[in-house]
Amino acid sequence: MSLDSTVERRIAQALTENADVLDLAGLRLERVPESVRELTGITQLRLRFNLIVEVPIGWESSVPYASLAGLSSLEELDVSGNNLDEVPEWAMYLVEED
């Protein structure tokens, strides 16, 4: 099974099951898959330990990645272990305060 089919299978399964969590950790992804934007109900997106260099925040992004701006239920975004130069400012709002 190819990497692309593994990713798309996980996304399709999350859509079908109306999942709260999408785990795409450790799949050597270089970008956020476009179909992730269809998962508007997920609360956790795990993208850790991939090769991602930018977390897209909207269509104004300079690269053709999927926008995460429409994931209105998102509470946790795990991008640890990637090649990010910076974490988008909006991601700071996902941090729970005690």
C-alpha atoms as a PDB file:
ATOM      1  CA  MET A   1       0.000   0.000   0.000  1.00  0.00           C
ATOM      2  CA  SER A   2       1.431   3.386  -0.988  1.00  0.00           C
ATOM      3  CA  LEU A   3       1.857   6.281   1.407  1.00  0.00           C
ATOM      4  CA  ASP A   4      -0.746   8.351  -0.449  1.00  0.00           C
ATOM      5  CA  SER A   5      -3.319   5.584  -0.205  1.00  0.00           C
ATOM      6  CA  THR A   6      -2.571   5.141   3.509  1.00  0.00           C
ATOM      7  CA  VAL A   7      -3.156   8.850   4.123  1.00  0.00           C
ATOM      8  CA  GLU A   8      -6.315   9.002   2.017  1.00  0.00           C
ATOM      9  CA  ARG A   9      -7.636   5.816   3.653  1.00  0.00           C
ATOM     10  CA  ARG A  10      -7.186   7.330   7.120  1.00  0.00           C
ATOM     11  CA  ILE A  11      -8.901  10.546   6.065  1.00  0.00           C
ATOM     12  CA  ALA A  12     -11.775   8.668   4.408  1.00  0.00           C
ATOM     13  CA  GLN A  13     -12.194   6.519   7.514  1.00  0.00           C
ATOM     14  CA  ALA A  14     -12.264   9.613   9.740  1.00  0.00           C
ATOM     15  CA  LEU A  15     -14.945  11.145   7.494  1.00  0.00           C
ATOM     16  CA  THR A  16     -17.038   7.974   7.477  1.00  0.00           C
ATOM     17  CA  GLU A  17     -16.800   7.485  11.234  1.00  0.00           C
ATOM     18  CA  ASN A  18     -17.224  11.179  12.019  1.00  0.00           C
ATOM     19  CA  ALA A  19     -14.023  10.860  14.047  1.00  0.00           C
ATOM     20  CA  ASP A  20     -12.772  13.392  16.579  1.00  0.00           C
ATOM     21  CA  VAL A  21      -9.109  12.550  15.943  1.00  0.00           C
ATOM     22  CA  LEU A  22      -7.046  12.259  12.771  1.00  0.00           C
ATOM     23  CA  ASP A  23      -3.607  10.755  13.307  1.00  0.00           C
ATOM     24  CA  LEU A  24      -1.202  11.218  10.403  1.00  0.00           C
ATOM     25  CA  ALA A  25       1.938  11.033  12.534  1.00  0.00           C
ATOM     26  CA  GLY A  26       5.161   9.613  11.150  1.00  0.00           C
ATOM     27  CA  LEU A  27       4.033   9.275   7.534  1.00  0.00           C
ATOM     28  CA  ARG A  28       6.791  11.490   6.068  1.00  0.00           C
ATOM     29  CA  LEU A  29       4.240  14.008   4.808  1.00  0.00           C
ATOM     30  CA  GLU A  30       5.714  17.127   3.226  1.00  0.00           C
ATOM     31  CA  ARG A  31       2.426  19.004   3.317  1.00  0.00           C
ATOM     32  CA  VAL A  32      -0.982  18.863   4.932  1.00  0.00           C
ATOM     33  CA  PRO A  33      -3.236  16.816   2.605  1.00  0.00           C
ATOM     34  CA  GLU A  34      -5.934  18.906   0.931  1.00  0.00           C
ATOM     35  CA  SER A  35      -8.697  16.502   1.974  1.00  0.00           C
ATOM     36  CA  VAL A  36      -8.058  17.303   5.660  1.00  0.00           C
ATOM     37  CA  ARG A  37     -10.150  20.454   5.219  1.00  0.00           C
ATOM     38  CA  GLU A  38     -13.238  18.243   4.828  1.00  0.00           C
ATOM     39  CA  LEU A  39     -12.901  17.077   8.458  1.00  0.00           C
ATOM     40  CA  THR A  40     -14.570  20.093  10.015  1.00  0.00           C
ATOM     41  CA  GLY A  41     -15.582  18.148  13.132  1.00  0.00           C
ATOM     42  CA  ILE A  42     -12.183  16.874  14.250  1.00  0.00           C
ATOM     43  CA  THR A  43     -10.898  18.142  17.573  1.00  0.00           C
ATOM     44  CA  GLN A  44      -7.382  16.698  17.311  1.00  0.00           C
ATOM     45  CA  LEU A  45      -5.055  16.682  14.308  1.00  0.00           C
ATOM     46  CA  ARG A  46      -1.817  14.794  14.840  1.00  0.00           C
ATOM     47  CA  LEU A  47       0.834  15.613  12.251  1.00  0.00           C
ATOM     48  CA  ARG A  48       3.903  14.997  14.385  1.00  0.00           C
ATOM     49  CA  PHE A  49       7.138  13.530  13.030  1.00  0.00           C
ATOM     50  CA  ASN A  50       6.597  14.356   9.374  1.00  0.00           C
ATOM     51  CA  LEU A  51       8.503  16.622   6.974  1.00  0.00           C
ATOM     52  CA  ILE A  52       6.075  19.548   7.018  1.00  0.00           C
ATOM     53  CA  VAL A  53       7.665  22.998   6.674  1.00  0.00           C
ATOM     54  CA  GLU A  54       4.558  25.218   6.822  1.00  0.00           C
ATOM     55  CA  VAL A  55       1.197  24.957   8.563  1.00  0.00           C
ATOM     56  CA  PRO A  56      -1.295  26.669   6.255  1.00  0.00           C
ATOM     57  CA  ILE A  57      -3.777  29.037   7.825  1.00  0.00           C
ATOM     58  CA  GLY A  58      -5.771  30.125   4.803  1.00  0.00           C
ATOM     59  CA  TRP A  59      -5.886  30.449   1.060  1.00  0.00           C
ATOM     60  CA  GLU A  60      -3.537  33.416   1.191  1.00  0.00           C
ATOM     61  CA  SER A  61      -0.758  30.961   1.996  1.00  0.00           C
ATOM     62  CA  SER A  62       2.113  31.030  -0.472  1.00  0.00           C
ATOM     63  CA  VAL A  63       1.996  27.277  -0.965  1.00  0.00           C
ATOM     64  CA  PRO A  64      -0.899  25.135  -2.225  1.00  0.00           C
ATOM     65  CA  TYR A  65      -1.506  23.270   1.030  1.00  0.00           C
ATOM     66  CA  ALA A  66      -4.843  22.575   2.601  1.00  0.00           C
ATOM     67  CA  SER A  67      -6.152  25.367   4.742  1.00  0.00           C
ATOM     68  CA  LEU A  68      -6.737  24.532   8.378  1.00  0.00           C
ATOM     69  CA  ALA A  69      -8.745  27.704   8.926  1.00  0.00           C
ATOM     70  CA  GLY A  70     -12.052  25.882   8.364  1.00  0.00           C
ATOM     71  CA  LEU A  71     -11.449  23.307  11.091  1.00  0.00           C
ATOM     72  CA  SER A  72     -13.602  25.169  13.583  1.00  0.00           C
ATOM     73  CA  SER A  73     -13.742  22.308  16.124  1.00  0.00           C
ATOM     74  CA  LEU A  74      -9.969  21.873  16.261  1.00  0.00           C
ATOM     75  CA  GLU A  75      -8.657  21.994  19.836  1.00  0.00           C
ATOM     76  CA  GLU A  76      -5.300  20.244  19.474  1.00  0.00           C
ATOM     77  CA  LEU A  77      -2.800  20.526  16.633  1.00  0.00           C
ATOM     78  CA  ASP A  78       0.343  18.442  17.127  1.00  0.00           C
ATOM     79  CA  VAL A  79       3.072  19.410  14.670  1.00  0.00           C
ATOM     80  CA  SER A  80       6.030  18.495  16.851  1.00  0.00           C
ATOM     81  CA  GLY A  81       8.991  16.860  15.154  1.00  0.00           C
ATOM     82  CA  ASN A  82       8.513  18.666  11.821  1.00  0.00           C
ATOM     83  CA  ASN A  83      10.718  21.179   9.985  1.00  0.00           C
ATOM     84  CA  LEU A  84       8.680  24.255  10.873  1.00  0.00           C
ATOM     85  CA  ASP A  85      10.388  27.628  10.954  1.00  0.00           C
ATOM     86  CA  GLU A  86       7.513  29.064  12.943  1.00  0.00           C
ATOM     87  CA  VAL A  87       4.188  28.090  14.439  1.00  0.00           C
ATOM     88  CA  PRO A  88       1.248  30.132  13.124  1.00  0.00           C
ATOM     89  CA  GLU A  89      -0.033  32.730  15.580  1.00  0.00           C
ATOM     90  CA  TRP A  90      -3.576  31.277  15.467  1.00  0.00           C
ATOM     91  CA  ALA A  91      -2.265  27.950  16.793  1.00  0.00           C
ATOM     92  CA  MET A  92      -1.534  29.630  20.104  1.00  0.00           C
ATOM     93  CA  TYR A  93      -5.296  29.935  20.652  1.00  0.00           C
ATOM     94  CA  LEU A  94      -5.502  26.131  20.762  1.00  0.00           C
ATOM     95  CA  VAL A  95      -3.545  26.089  24.021  1.00  0.00           C
ATOM     96  CA  GLU A  96      -5.735  25.488  27.044  1.00  0.00           C
ATOM     97  CA  GLU A  97      -5.316  27.846  29.948  1.00  0.00           C
ATOM     98  CA  ASP A  98      -5.583  26.528  33.499  1.00  0.00           C
END
